[in-house]
Amino acid sequence: MQHDKGLKYLDKLIADLGGAASGTQSESRRGLLLEHLQAARRDLLGSMPGEYGLSLQQAAASLDCIHDKNDRNETKRALRRLIDSEGRDGMPSVA
């Protein structure tokens, strides 16, 4: 169940940033961030916790592309929840 919640949470983040969960690349300035989130989604589906955590960290490092401060902070909090939950038990859990 935790796996499903993490996946839904990633899907929402990807959709909110304007990307498709299908793995297509975005041509927008948020393209790198979307690529990292889509990689995290693939890693989660592939049960690759090390790669999943790295992709989340890379996404967090790419947040500067979000110019709106409120949007950037909201996305940062969302990523922090995923990163923190991944570190506790190896799988994401979103309340």
N, C-alpha and C. Protein backbone atom coordinates (compact mmCIF):
# COMPACT_ATOMS: atom_id res chain seq x y z
N MET A 1 0.82 -1.21 0.00
CA MET A 1 0.00 0.00 0.00
C MET A 1 0.86 1.26 0.00
N GLN A 2 1.97 1.27 0.75
CA GLN A 2 2.84 2.43 0.79
C GLN A 2 3.40 2.73 -0.60
N HIS A 3 3.74 1.68 -1.32
CA HIS A 3 4.27 1.81 -2.68
C HIS A 3 3.26 2.55 -3.55
N ASP A 4 1.99 2.18 -3.47
CA ASP A 4 0.95 2.82 -4.27
C ASP A 4 0.79 4.29 -3.93
N LYS A 5 0.86 4.62 -2.65
CA LYS A 5 0.73 6.02 -2.25
C LYS A 5 1.89 6.85 -2.79
N GLY A 6 3.10 6.31 -2.71
CA GLY A 6 4.26 7.01 -3.24
C GLY A 6 4.15 7.23 -4.73
N LEU A 7 3.66 6.22 -5.43
CA LEU A 7 3.48 6.32 -6.87
C LEU A 7 2.44 7.38 -7.23
N LYS A 8 1.34 7.38 -6.53
CA LYS A 8 0.30 8.39 -6.78
C LYS A 8 0.82 9.79 -6.48
N TYR A 9 1.61 9.91 -5.45
CA TYR A 9 2.18 11.20 -5.07
C TYR A 9 3.12 11.69 -6.15
N LEU A 10 3.98 10.81 -6.67
CA LEU A 10 4.88 11.18 -7.76
C LEU A 10 4.08 11.57 -9.00
N ASP A 11 3.05 10.81 -9.32
CA ASP A 11 2.22 11.12 -10.48
C ASP A 11 1.61 12.51 -10.35
N LYS A 12 1.17 12.86 -9.14
CA LYS A 12 0.59 14.18 -8.92
C LYS A 12 1.64 15.28 -9.09
N LEU A 13 2.83 15.07 -8.55
CA LEU A 13 3.90 16.05 -8.71
C LEU A 13 4.23 16.25 -10.20
N ILE A 14 4.33 15.16 -10.93
CA ILE A 14 4.66 15.24 -12.35
C ILE A 14 3.56 15.98 -13.10
N ALA A 15 2.31 15.64 -12.81
CA ALA A 15 1.19 16.31 -13.49
C ALA A 15 1.13 17.80 -13.12
N ASP A 16 1.36 18.12 -11.86
CA ASP A 16 1.31 19.52 -11.42
C ASP A 16 2.40 20.36 -12.09
N LEU A 17 3.51 19.73 -12.44
CA LEU A 17 4.60 20.44 -13.09
C LEU A 17 4.46 20.46 -14.60
N GLY A 18 3.40 19.85 -15.10
CA GLY A 18 3.13 19.91 -16.53
C GLY A 18 3.70 18.78 -17.35
N GLY A 19 4.14 17.72 -16.70
CA GLY A 19 4.70 16.58 -17.41
C GLY A 19 3.76 15.41 -17.41
N ALA A 20 3.93 14.53 -18.36
CA ALA A 20 3.14 13.31 -18.43
C ALA A 20 3.88 12.21 -17.69
N ALA A 21 3.15 11.33 -17.05
CA ALA A 21 3.76 10.21 -16.32
C ALA A 21 4.25 9.13 -17.27
N SER A 22 4.12 9.35 -18.56
CA SER A 22 4.49 8.33 -19.53
C SER A 22 5.99 8.28 -19.80
N GLY A 23 6.75 9.21 -19.26
CA GLY A 23 8.19 9.19 -19.46
C GLY A 23 8.65 10.06 -20.61
N THR A 24 7.77 10.84 -21.20
CA THR A 24 8.19 11.72 -22.28
C THR A 24 8.96 12.89 -21.72
N GLN A 25 9.87 13.43 -22.51
CA GLN A 25 10.67 14.55 -22.06
C GLN A 25 9.93 15.85 -22.32
N SER A 26 10.07 16.76 -21.40
CA SER A 26 9.47 18.07 -21.54
C SER A 26 10.47 19.03 -22.15
N GLU A 27 9.99 19.94 -22.98
CA GLU A 27 10.87 20.93 -23.60
C GLU A 27 10.89 22.21 -22.77
N SER A 28 10.13 22.26 -21.69
CA SER A 28 10.07 23.46 -20.87
C SER A 28 11.32 23.59 -20.00
N ARG A 29 11.41 24.73 -19.32
CA ARG A 29 12.54 24.94 -18.42
C ARG A 29 12.48 23.99 -17.23
N ARG A 30 11.35 23.36 -17.01
CA ARG A 30 11.23 22.39 -15.92
C ARG A 30 11.56 20.97 -16.39
N GLY A 31 12.08 20.85 -17.58
CA GLY A 31 12.36 19.54 -18.18
C GLY A 31 13.26 18.67 -17.34
N LEU A 32 14.36 19.23 -16.80
CA LEU A 32 15.29 18.43 -16.01
C LEU A 32 14.62 17.93 -14.73
N LEU A 33 13.88 18.79 -14.07
CA LEU A 33 13.16 18.39 -12.86
C LEU A 33 12.17 17.27 -13.19
N LEU A 34 11.43 17.43 -14.27
CA LEU A 34 10.47 16.39 -14.67
C LEU A 34 11.18 15.08 -15.00
N GLU A 35 12.33 15.16 -15.64
CA GLU A 35 13.09 13.94 -15.95
C GLU A 35 13.48 13.21 -14.68
N HIS A 36 13.92 13.94 -13.67
CA HIS A 36 14.30 13.32 -12.40
C HIS A 36 13.08 12.69 -11.70
N LEU A 37 11.94 13.37 -11.74
CA LEU A 37 10.73 12.82 -11.13
C LEU A 37 10.26 11.58 -11.88
N GLN A 38 10.34 11.60 -13.20
CA GLN A 38 9.95 10.44 -13.99
C GLN A 38 10.91 9.28 -13.76
N ALA A 39 12.19 9.58 -13.58
CA ALA A 39 13.16 8.54 -13.25
C ALA A 39 12.84 7.94 -11.88
N ALA A 40 12.49 8.79 -10.92
CA ALA A 40 12.12 8.29 -9.59
C ALA A 40 10.91 7.38 -9.69
N ARG A 41 9.96 7.74 -10.53
CA ARG A 41 8.77 6.91 -10.73
C ARG A 41 9.15 5.55 -11.29
N ARG A 42 10.01 5.53 -12.31
CA ARG A 42 10.46 4.26 -12.90
C ARG A 42 11.23 3.43 -11.87
N ASP A 43 12.08 4.10 -11.09
CA ASP A 43 12.86 3.39 -10.07
C ASP A 43 11.96 2.79 -9.00
N LEU A 44 10.93 3.51 -8.63
CA LEU A 44 9.98 2.99 -7.65
C LEU A 44 9.26 1.78 -8.20
N LEU A 45 8.81 1.87 -9.44
CA LEU A 45 8.13 0.74 -10.07
C LEU A 45 9.06 -0.46 -10.23
N GLY A 46 10.34 -0.18 -10.47
CA GLY A 46 11.31 -1.25 -10.65
C GLY A 46 11.92 -1.76 -9.37
N SER A 47 11.41 -1.31 -8.24
CA SER A 47 11.91 -1.73 -6.93
C SER A 47 13.41 -1.53 -6.80
N MET A 48 13.86 -0.34 -7.16
CA MET A 48 15.27 0.02 -7.06
C MET A 48 15.41 1.16 -6.06
N PRO A 49 15.42 0.86 -4.77
CA PRO A 49 15.39 1.91 -3.75
C PRO A 49 16.58 2.85 -3.79
N GLY A 50 17.77 2.36 -4.11
CA GLY A 50 18.94 3.24 -4.17
C GLY A 50 18.80 4.27 -5.28
N GLU A 51 18.39 3.81 -6.45
CA GLU A 51 18.20 4.69 -7.58
C GLU A 51 17.03 5.64 -7.34
N TYR A 52 15.99 5.13 -6.69
CA TYR A 52 14.82 5.95 -6.36
C TYR A 52 15.24 7.13 -5.48
N GLY A 53 15.99 6.84 -4.43
CA GLY A 53 16.45 7.89 -3.53
C GLY A 53 17.33 8.91 -4.24
N LEU A 54 18.22 8.42 -5.11
CA LEU A 54 19.09 9.31 -5.86
C LEU A 54 18.28 10.21 -6.79
N SER A 55 17.29 9.65 -7.47
CA SER A 55 16.45 10.44 -8.38
C SER A 55 15.69 11.51 -7.61
N LEU A 56 15.21 11.19 -6.42
CA LEU A 56 14.52 12.19 -5.59
C LEU A 56 15.48 13.31 -5.19
N GLN A 57 16.71 12.94 -4.81
CA GLN A 57 17.71 13.94 -4.44
C GLN A 57 18.04 14.84 -5.63
N GLN A 58 18.17 14.24 -6.81
CA GLN A 58 18.46 15.03 -8.01
C GLN A 58 17.30 15.96 -8.34
N ALA A 59 16.09 15.49 -8.14
CA ALA A 59 14.92 16.34 -8.37
C ALA A 59 14.95 17.53 -7.41
N ALA A 60 15.26 17.26 -6.16
CA ALA A 60 15.32 18.33 -5.16
C ALA A 60 16.39 19.35 -5.52
N ALA A 61 17.49 18.90 -6.12
CA ALA A 61 18.57 19.80 -6.52
C ALA A 61 18.21 20.62 -7.76
N SER A 62 17.13 20.24 -8.44
CA SER A 62 16.72 20.91 -9.68
C SER A 62 15.57 21.89 -9.48
N LEU A 63 15.24 22.21 -8.25
CA LEU A 63 14.07 23.03 -7.97
C LEU A 63 14.21 24.50 -8.37
N ASP A 64 15.41 24.95 -8.65
CA ASP A 64 15.62 26.36 -9.02
C ASP A 64 14.90 26.74 -10.31
N CYS A 65 14.51 25.75 -11.09
CA CYS A 65 13.81 26.06 -12.34
C CYS A 65 12.38 26.54 -12.10
N ILE A 66 11.88 26.37 -10.87
CA ILE A 66 10.54 26.84 -10.52
C ILE A 66 10.69 28.26 -9.99
N HIS A 67 10.29 29.22 -10.80
CA HIS A 67 10.51 30.62 -10.45
C HIS A 67 9.57 31.13 -9.37
N ASP A 68 8.35 30.64 -9.34
CA ASP A 68 7.40 31.07 -8.32
C ASP A 68 7.81 30.48 -6.97
N LYS A 69 8.07 31.36 -6.01
CA LYS A 69 8.58 30.93 -4.70
C LYS A 69 7.62 29.97 -4.00
N ASN A 70 6.32 30.25 -4.03
CA ASN A 70 5.35 29.38 -3.36
C ASN A 70 5.30 28.00 -4.00
N ASP A 71 5.31 27.96 -5.33
CA ASP A 71 5.31 26.67 -6.03
C ASP A 71 6.58 25.89 -5.73
N ARG A 72 7.71 26.60 -5.72
CA ARG A 72 8.99 25.95 -5.43
C ARG A 72 9.01 25.37 -4.02
N ASN A 73 8.52 26.15 -3.04
CA ASN A 73 8.49 25.66 -1.66
C ASN A 73 7.53 24.49 -1.48
N GLU A 74 6.40 24.54 -2.16
CA GLU A 74 5.45 23.44 -2.08
C GLU A 74 6.05 22.16 -2.67
N THR A 75 6.70 22.28 -3.80
CA THR A 75 7.34 21.12 -4.42
C THR A 75 8.48 20.61 -3.56
N LYS A 76 9.22 21.52 -2.95
CA LYS A 76 10.32 21.13 -2.07
C LYS A 76 9.80 20.34 -0.87
N ARG A 77 8.70 20.79 -0.29
CA ARG A 77 8.10 20.07 0.85
C ARG A 77 7.63 18.67 0.42
N ALA A 78 7.03 18.60 -0.76
CA ALA A 78 6.55 17.31 -1.26
C ALA A 78 7.72 16.34 -1.47
N LEU A 79 8.79 16.83 -2.06
CA LEU A 79 9.96 15.98 -2.27
C LEU A 79 10.58 15.57 -0.94
N ARG A 80 10.62 16.49 0.00
CA ARG A 80 11.19 16.18 1.32
C ARG A 80 10.40 15.06 1.99
N ARG A 81 9.07 15.09 1.87
CA ARG A 81 8.25 14.01 2.44
C ARG A 81 8.60 12.67 1.80
N LEU A 82 8.75 12.66 0.50
CA LEU A 82 9.11 11.41 -0.19
C LEU A 82 10.50 10.94 0.22
N ILE A 83 11.45 11.86 0.27
CA ILE A 83 12.82 11.51 0.65
C ILE A 83 12.87 11.00 2.08
N ASP A 84 12.19 11.69 2.98
CA ASP A 84 12.18 11.29 4.39
C ASP A 84 11.53 9.93 4.58
N SER A 85 10.43 9.68 3.90
CA SER A 85 9.74 8.40 4.07
C SER A 85 10.55 7.27 3.45
N GLU A 86 11.27 7.54 2.38
CA GLU A 86 12.11 6.53 1.73
C GLU A 86 13.25 6.14 2.65
N GLY A 87 13.79 7.10 3.37
CA GLY A 87 14.92 6.83 4.26
C GLY A 87 14.56 6.01 5.48
N ARG A 88 13.31 6.08 5.91
CA ARG A 88 12.90 5.35 7.10
C ARG A 88 12.79 3.86 6.87
N ASP A 89 12.13 3.46 5.77
CA ASP A 89 11.89 2.02 5.60
C ASP A 89 12.16 1.52 4.19
N GLY A 90 12.79 2.35 3.36
CA GLY A 90 13.14 1.91 2.03
C GLY A 90 12.03 2.06 1.00
N MET A 91 10.82 2.32 1.44
CA MET A 91 9.71 2.52 0.52
C MET A 91 8.97 3.79 0.92
N PRO A 92 8.45 4.50 -0.05
CA PRO A 92 7.76 5.76 0.28
C PRO A 92 6.42 5.53 0.94
N SER A 93 6.09 6.45 1.81
CA SER A 93 4.77 6.44 2.42
C SER A 93 4.35 7.88 2.57
N VAL A 94 3.21 8.21 2.03
CA VAL A 94 2.73 9.57 2.06
C VAL A 94 1.41 9.58 2.80
N ALA A 95 1.35 10.40 3.84
CA ALA A 95 0.13 10.46 4.65
C ALA A 95 -0.96 11.20 3.96
